[in-house]
Amino acid sequence: MKKLLSLCLMSFALVTGCSSETETTTKTLAVVMPNATHGFLGESIKHAEAATKEFAEAKGYNYKFLTSAEASEQNNQLDTLINEKVDAIVLWPHNGDELRSGAQSVLNENIPLIVYDRLITGMEPTAEVLGDNIKIGEMAGKYLNKYFADTKDPVNILEFKGDNSTVPQQRSDGFYSTAKKKIHVVQQFDTGWQRATAQDQMENFINSRDADTVSSIKAVFTHDAEVAAGVLMAIKSYDGPKKLNIKLVTSVSLPKELLENFEPYQSDTGIDQVGYSFSPAMVRDAIQKGIDVLDGKEVSGQYLIETEEVDNSNVNAYRDGNTFKIRYSL
């Protein structure tokens, strides 16, 4: 009887040992993002956190979701995740240059790394998922060419960028590659992706520059919908003596707030709008690539998210489309 009991206990120990080992080897996906410094990031965080939970739990994977206020904190998070031996990381860098060392350390430990939105130059992560920023710029340049096709004089414009990451650089490069020579950028602004900053910058430009320069501006090329909203607020609120001749404002990401004002802004101020679809919900694509890695699927290279051009001619169809519906599904 004692011998039989001993065998049973040995069998039980073996079973529980296997169970414990299985639990400790459950794969873990880590998602690392900046804090919500502006509306687009705030919406993106909501979608990323929801998608991480949804996708990981559906496959029985563990997950970690981390945000940070600055690049140094993000680098520390990567070090911690390396020590914890997570199985894959999806990273939205604060700034590629400042995250290069930390990202390379991840790869050096053979942890697959999916970089989202902002590229890290000088290294090759496992994969990159981003909006087609060059194409966004190219399409904006072509749109201005067509919009001002009948204008023989130089078309003076302002450009409102986001920050010093690869995103606005690519959009600018794309724009200058297609915009005709008569499209002349009078001044560039770095907004930090902030609506209030863009509004202040636009107001300062109108109030501080001479009347001829202000009246010469025909369009504003912006890199973000919140930035465009700030520019439009400054234009709409101006009641001074200088004449404003702005006919067109461009944007990216097309939130509900801006779409609802396409026609009203046009009718109230005579300003047309064109926007390029890069939804905050598209971060879900990057999370899915991380899950695919854990599933053992081949994930490599660069994945560009398709861009749609939206103006007053198709804004209602865009509102009824999947991109808009998924964005506001949470």
Protein backbone atom coordinates (compact mmCIF):
# COMPACT_ATOMS: atom_id res chain seq x y z
CA MET A 1 0.00 0.00 0.00
CA LYS A 2 2.83 2.43 0.87
CA LYS A 3 4.56 1.66 -2.43
CA LEU A 4 1.35 2.35 -4.34
CA LEU A 5 0.81 5.65 -2.50
CA SER A 6 4.39 6.69 -3.25
CA LEU A 7 3.85 6.07 -6.98
CA CYS A 8 0.66 8.13 -6.89
CA LEU A 9 2.47 11.03 -5.23
CA MET A 10 5.28 10.83 -7.79
CA SER A 11 2.72 10.89 -10.59
CA PHE A 12 0.99 13.90 -9.05
CA ALA A 13 4.29 15.76 -8.72
CA LEU A 14 5.12 15.13 -12.37
CA VAL A 15 1.73 16.40 -13.53
CA THR A 16 1.84 19.57 -11.45
CA GLY A 17 5.42 20.18 -12.53
CA CYS A 18 4.36 20.05 -16.17
CA SER A 19 1.46 22.36 -15.47
CA SER A 20 3.71 24.90 -13.79
CA GLU A 21 6.20 24.76 -16.66
CA THR A 22 3.40 25.36 -19.17
CA GLU A 23 2.25 28.43 -17.30
CA THR A 24 5.72 29.95 -17.16
CA THR A 25 6.29 29.47 -20.89
CA THR A 26 3.08 31.16 -22.03
CA LYS A 27 4.14 33.71 -24.64
CA THR A 28 3.96 37.42 -23.84
CA LEU A 29 3.39 40.34 -26.18
CA ALA A 30 4.51 43.78 -24.96
CA VAL A 31 3.18 47.02 -26.48
CA VAL A 32 5.14 50.22 -25.76
CA MET A 33 3.72 53.64 -26.69
CA PRO A 34 4.09 57.35 -25.84
CA ASN A 35 1.61 59.03 -23.52
CA ALA A 36 -1.40 60.83 -24.99
CA THR A 37 0.18 64.18 -25.83
CA HIS A 38 -2.50 65.01 -28.41
CA GLY A 39 -5.84 63.73 -29.64
CA PHE A 40 -4.55 61.31 -32.27
CA LEU A 41 -2.28 59.60 -29.74
CA GLY A 42 -5.05 59.48 -27.17
CA GLU A 43 -7.38 57.70 -29.59
CA SER A 44 -4.53 55.43 -30.69
CA ILE A 45 -3.82 54.38 -27.10
CA LYS A 46 -7.47 53.43 -26.60
CA HIS A 47 -7.46 51.27 -29.73
CA ALA A 48 -4.03 49.78 -29.00
CA GLU A 49 -4.91 48.80 -25.44
CA ALA A 50 -8.25 47.30 -26.52
CA ALA A 51 -6.68 45.41 -29.42
CA THR A 52 -3.80 44.09 -27.28
CA LYS A 53 -6.23 42.67 -24.74
CA GLU A 54 -8.61 41.31 -27.37
CA PHE A 55 -6.02 39.69 -29.63
CA ALA A 56 -3.82 38.27 -26.85
CA GLU A 57 -6.67 36.81 -24.83
CA ALA A 58 -8.17 35.22 -27.95
CA LYS A 59 -4.93 33.27 -28.43
CA GLY A 60 -4.21 32.62 -24.75
CA TYR A 61 -1.14 34.89 -24.68
CA ASN A 62 -0.01 37.15 -21.86
CA TYR A 63 0.42 40.84 -22.58
CA LYS A 64 1.91 44.03 -21.20
CA PHE A 65 0.80 47.52 -22.22
CA LEU A 66 3.11 50.41 -21.33
CA THR A 67 3.08 54.16 -22.01
CA SER A 68 5.70 56.78 -21.20
CA ALA A 69 6.23 60.53 -21.07
CA GLU A 70 9.62 60.67 -22.79
CA ALA A 71 12.20 58.69 -24.74
CA SER A 72 14.43 57.92 -21.72
CA GLU A 73 11.50 56.33 -19.90
CA GLN A 74 10.68 54.31 -23.01
CA ASN A 75 14.27 53.06 -23.20
CA ASN A 76 14.03 51.95 -19.56
CA GLN A 77 10.82 50.09 -20.36
CA LEU A 78 12.58 48.24 -23.17
CA ASP A 79 15.39 47.24 -20.80
CA THR A 80 12.85 45.88 -18.34
CA LEU A 81 11.04 43.92 -21.03
CA ILE A 82 14.33 42.42 -22.20
CA ASN A 83 15.07 41.28 -18.63
CA GLU A 84 11.58 39.82 -18.40
CA LYS A 85 12.25 37.91 -21.63
CA VAL A 86 9.00 38.83 -23.35
CA ASP A 87 8.46 37.10 -26.70
CA ALA A 88 7.68 40.09 -28.95
CA ILE A 89 7.48 43.88 -28.66
CA VAL A 90 5.38 46.41 -30.59
CA LEU A 91 7.04 49.82 -30.23
CA TRP A 92 5.72 53.26 -31.11
CA PRO A 93 8.88 55.34 -30.52
CA HIS A 94 8.84 58.83 -29.08
CA ASN A 95 11.67 59.65 -31.43
CA GLY A 96 13.57 57.16 -33.56
CA ASP A 97 17.05 58.55 -32.94
CA GLU A 98 16.64 58.44 -29.16
CA LEU A 99 15.23 54.89 -29.23
CA ARG A 100 17.80 53.37 -31.61
CA SER A 101 20.04 51.95 -28.89
CA GLY A 102 17.16 50.49 -26.87
CA ALA A 103 15.52 49.03 -29.95
CA GLN A 104 18.79 47.47 -31.08
CA SER A 105 19.20 45.89 -27.64
CA VAL A 106 15.83 44.21 -28.13
CA LEU A 107 16.96 42.73 -31.44
CA ASN A 108 20.31 41.71 -29.97
CA GLU A 109 18.38 39.52 -27.52
CA ASN A 110 16.54 37.92 -30.46
CA ILE A 111 13.21 39.43 -29.41
CA PRO A 112 11.10 40.28 -32.49
CA LEU A 113 10.41 44.03 -32.71
CA ILE A 114 7.51 45.63 -34.61
CA VAL A 115 8.01 49.40 -34.97
CA TYR A 116 4.87 51.47 -35.54
CA ASP A 117 4.35 54.92 -37.09
CA ARG A 118 7.74 56.57 -36.46
CA LEU A 119 10.72 54.94 -38.08
CA ILE A 120 14.07 54.32 -36.39
CA THR A 121 16.76 55.14 -38.91
CA GLY A 122 20.02 53.20 -38.97
CA MET A 123 18.54 49.84 -37.96
CA GLU A 124 16.23 47.15 -39.31
CA PRO A 125 13.54 45.95 -36.89
CA THR A 126 11.64 42.75 -37.55
CA ALA A 127 8.92 44.78 -39.24
CA GLU A 128 7.58 48.33 -39.61
CA VAL A 129 3.89 49.27 -39.75
CA LEU A 130 3.08 52.84 -40.68
CA GLY A 131 0.94 55.16 -42.70
CA ASP A 132 2.19 55.83 -46.19
CA ASN A 133 3.51 59.23 -45.18
CA ILE A 134 5.37 59.87 -48.41
CA LYS A 135 2.22 59.13 -50.38
CA ILE A 136 0.19 61.42 -48.12
CA GLY A 137 2.57 64.25 -48.97
CA GLU A 138 2.59 63.35 -52.66
CA MET A 139 -1.21 63.33 -52.81
CA ALA A 140 -1.41 66.69 -51.05
CA GLY A 141 1.04 68.20 -53.54
CA LYS A 142 -0.94 66.85 -56.48
CA TYR A 143 -4.18 68.11 -54.97
CA LEU A 144 -2.80 71.64 -54.68
CA ASN A 145 -1.56 71.45 -58.29
CA LYS A 146 -5.04 70.57 -59.47
CA TYR A 147 -6.83 72.96 -57.14
CA PHE A 148 -4.75 75.92 -58.32
CA ALA A 149 -4.35 74.75 -61.92
CA ASP A 150 -5.94 77.92 -63.29
CA THR A 151 -3.80 80.21 -61.14
CA LYS A 152 -0.83 81.57 -63.09
CA ASP A 153 0.74 83.56 -60.27
CA PRO A 154 2.82 81.87 -57.54
CA VAL A 155 0.68 80.12 -54.92
CA ASN A 156 2.05 81.06 -51.49
CA ILE A 157 1.27 78.60 -48.72
CA LEU A 158 2.13 77.86 -45.07
CA GLU A 159 3.22 74.46 -43.77
CA PHE A 160 2.38 73.27 -40.25
CA LYS A 161 4.42 70.20 -39.28
CA GLY A 162 4.14 67.93 -36.24
CA ASP A 163 7.58 67.34 -34.73
CA ASN A 164 11.10 66.27 -35.71
CA SER A 165 10.30 62.58 -36.21
CA THR A 166 10.33 60.75 -39.54
CA VAL A 167 6.56 61.21 -40.01
CA PRO A 168 6.51 64.93 -40.91
CA GLN A 169 9.81 64.61 -42.76
CA GLN A 170 8.35 61.95 -45.04
CA ARG A 171 5.18 63.97 -45.58
CA SER A 172 7.19 67.06 -46.46
CA ASP A 173 9.45 65.09 -48.80
CA GLY A 174 6.45 63.62 -50.57
CA PHE A 175 4.79 67.01 -50.90
CA TYR A 176 7.83 68.75 -52.38
CA SER A 177 8.34 65.88 -54.83
CA THR A 178 4.95 66.52 -56.50
CA ALA A 179 3.97 70.14 -55.83
CA LYS A 180 4.75 72.31 -58.83
CA LYS A 181 7.32 75.10 -58.59
CA LYS A 182 4.61 77.73 -58.37
CA ILE A 183 3.58 76.26 -54.99
CA HIS A 184 5.82 78.26 -52.67
CA VAL A 185 6.11 77.65 -48.91
CA VAL A 186 6.44 81.05 -47.24
CA GLN A 187 6.99 79.67 -43.72
CA GLN A 188 7.10 76.34 -41.87
CA PHE A 189 5.90 75.82 -38.30
CA ASP A 190 6.64 72.98 -35.83
CA THR A 191 3.53 72.48 -33.74
CA GLY A 192 4.32 69.48 -31.54
CA TRP A 193 1.03 68.13 -32.93
CA GLN A 194 -0.81 70.60 -30.68
CA ARG A 195 -3.99 72.39 -31.75
CA ALA A 196 -3.44 75.35 -29.43
CA THR A 197 0.14 75.77 -30.67
CA ALA A 198 -0.99 75.78 -34.29
CA GLN A 199 -3.72 78.30 -33.51
CA ASP A 200 -1.25 80.61 -31.74
CA GLN A 201 1.25 80.30 -34.58
CA MET A 202 -1.37 81.10 -37.19
CA GLU A 203 -2.68 84.05 -35.20
CA ASN A 204 0.86 85.38 -34.72
CA PHE A 205 1.57 85.06 -38.43
CA ILE A 206 -1.56 87.00 -39.36
CA ASN A 207 -0.98 89.70 -36.77
CA SER A 208 2.78 90.14 -37.13
CA ARG A 209 3.39 89.91 -40.87
CA ASP A 210 2.65 92.75 -43.28
CA ALA A 211 -0.70 92.89 -45.02
CA ASP A 212 0.68 91.95 -48.45
CA THR A 213 2.36 88.79 -47.15
CA VAL A 214 -0.73 87.75 -45.22
CA SER A 215 -3.05 88.32 -48.18
CA SER A 216 -0.69 86.36 -50.47
CA ILE A 217 -1.29 83.08 -48.61
CA LYS A 218 -3.64 80.87 -50.65
CA ALA A 219 -3.43 77.54 -48.80
CA VAL A 220 -2.19 75.83 -45.64
CA PHE A 221 -0.56 72.39 -45.74
CA THR A 222 -0.87 70.74 -42.30
CA HIS A 223 0.32 67.33 -41.10
CA ASP A 224 -2.51 66.57 -38.69
CA ALA A 225 -6.22 67.16 -38.18
CA GLU A 226 -5.80 68.81 -34.77
CA VAL A 227 -3.22 71.14 -36.26
CA ALA A 228 -5.62 71.93 -39.10
CA ALA A 229 -8.38 72.59 -36.57
CA GLY A 230 -6.16 75.11 -34.77
CA VAL A 231 -5.30 76.84 -38.04
CA LEU A 232 -8.97 77.02 -39.02
CA MET A 233 -9.93 78.43 -35.63
CA ALA A 234 -7.35 81.20 -36.03
CA ILE A 235 -8.60 82.03 -39.51
CA LYS A 236 -12.25 82.00 -38.54
CA SER A 237 -11.74 84.16 -35.42
CA TYR A 238 -9.66 86.85 -37.13
CA ASP A 239 -11.56 90.14 -37.47
CA GLY A 240 -8.71 92.58 -38.17
CA PRO A 241 -8.11 94.83 -41.16
CA LYS A 242 -5.86 92.48 -43.14
CA LYS A 243 -7.43 90.57 -45.99
CA LEU A 244 -7.24 86.77 -45.83
CA ASN A 245 -7.27 84.90 -49.15
CA ILE A 246 -6.80 81.32 -47.93
CA LYS A 247 -8.80 78.95 -50.12
CA LEU A 248 -7.66 75.49 -48.99
CA VAL A 249 -6.47 73.73 -45.81
CA THR A 250 -5.15 70.15 -45.84
CA SER A 251 -5.06 67.69 -42.93
CA VAL A 252 -4.37 64.07 -41.95
CA SER A 253 -6.43 61.54 -39.92
CA LEU A 254 -9.95 62.93 -40.52
CA PRO A 255 -11.63 62.91 -37.09
CA LYS A 256 -15.37 63.34 -36.72
CA GLU A 257 -14.97 66.92 -35.53
CA LEU A 258 -13.18 68.03 -38.67
CA LEU A 259 -15.35 66.03 -41.06
CA GLU A 260 -18.49 67.56 -39.65
CA ASN A 261 -17.08 70.98 -40.44
CA PHE A 262 -16.05 70.39 -44.05
CA GLU A 263 -19.12 72.07 -45.51
CA PRO A 264 -19.74 74.63 -42.73
CA TYR A 265 -16.18 75.94 -42.93
CA GLN A 266 -16.52 76.15 -46.68
CA SER A 267 -19.77 78.06 -46.50
CA ASP A 268 -18.73 80.28 -43.55
CA THR A 269 -15.24 81.24 -44.69
CA GLY A 270 -14.91 80.13 -48.30
CA ILE A 271 -12.23 77.62 -47.30
CA ASP A 272 -12.18 74.13 -48.81
CA GLN A 273 -10.61 71.18 -47.01
CA VAL A 274 -8.92 67.97 -48.09
CA GLY A 275 -7.80 65.27 -45.67
CA TYR A 276 -5.89 62.01 -45.83
CA SER A 277 -7.06 58.95 -43.93
CA PHE A 278 -4.70 57.74 -41.25
CA SER A 279 -6.96 56.55 -38.45
CA PRO A 280 -5.86 56.06 -34.82
CA ALA A 281 -7.48 52.62 -35.09
CA MET A 282 -4.80 51.58 -37.58
CA VAL A 283 -2.48 50.84 -34.65
CA ARG A 284 -4.47 47.59 -34.47
CA ASP A 285 -2.56 46.46 -37.57
CA ALA A 286 0.72 46.68 -35.65
CA ILE A 287 -0.71 44.75 -32.68
CA GLN A 288 -1.89 42.04 -35.08
CA LYS A 289 1.63 41.72 -36.50
CA GLY A 290 2.90 41.17 -32.96
CA ILE A 291 0.35 38.40 -32.46
CA ASP A 292 1.31 36.91 -35.82
CA VAL A 293 4.92 36.70 -34.62
CA LEU A 294 3.83 34.79 -31.51
CA ASP A 295 1.79 32.49 -33.77
CA GLY A 296 4.96 31.65 -35.68
CA LYS A 297 3.92 33.41 -38.87
CA GLU A 298 6.41 35.14 -41.15
CA VAL A 299 6.46 38.86 -40.37
CA SER A 300 9.14 41.05 -41.92
CA GLY A 301 9.72 44.23 -43.90
CA GLN A 302 7.56 47.31 -44.12
CA TYR A 303 3.75 47.33 -44.13
CA LEU A 304 2.17 50.55 -45.41
CA ILE A 305 -1.40 51.44 -44.49
CA GLU A 306 -3.50 52.50 -47.46
CA THR A 307 -4.37 56.20 -47.77
CA GLU A 308 -7.69 57.63 -48.93
CA GLU A 309 -8.14 61.25 -50.04
CA VAL A 310 -11.29 62.93 -48.71
CA ASP A 311 -12.77 66.30 -49.63
CA ASN A 312 -16.25 67.75 -49.96
CA SER A 313 -16.95 65.51 -52.96
CA ASN A 314 -16.73 62.23 -51.01
CA VAL A 315 -16.86 63.15 -47.32
CA ASN A 316 -20.29 61.57 -46.81
CA ALA A 317 -19.16 58.28 -48.37
CA TYR A 318 -16.11 58.30 -46.08
CA ARG A 319 -18.31 58.80 -43.02
CA ASP A 320 -20.24 55.68 -44.04
CA GLY A 321 -17.09 53.59 -44.63
CA ASN A 322 -15.32 51.01 -42.47
CA THR A 323 -12.32 53.19 -41.57
CA PHE A 324 -14.57 55.77 -39.94
CA LYS A 325 -16.80 53.14 -38.27
CA ILE A 326 -13.90 51.22 -36.74
CA ARG A 327 -12.31 54.44 -35.46
CA TYR A 328 -15.44 55.29 -33.46
CA SER A 329 -16.32 51.71 -32.46
CA LEU A 330 -14.94 52.06 -28.92
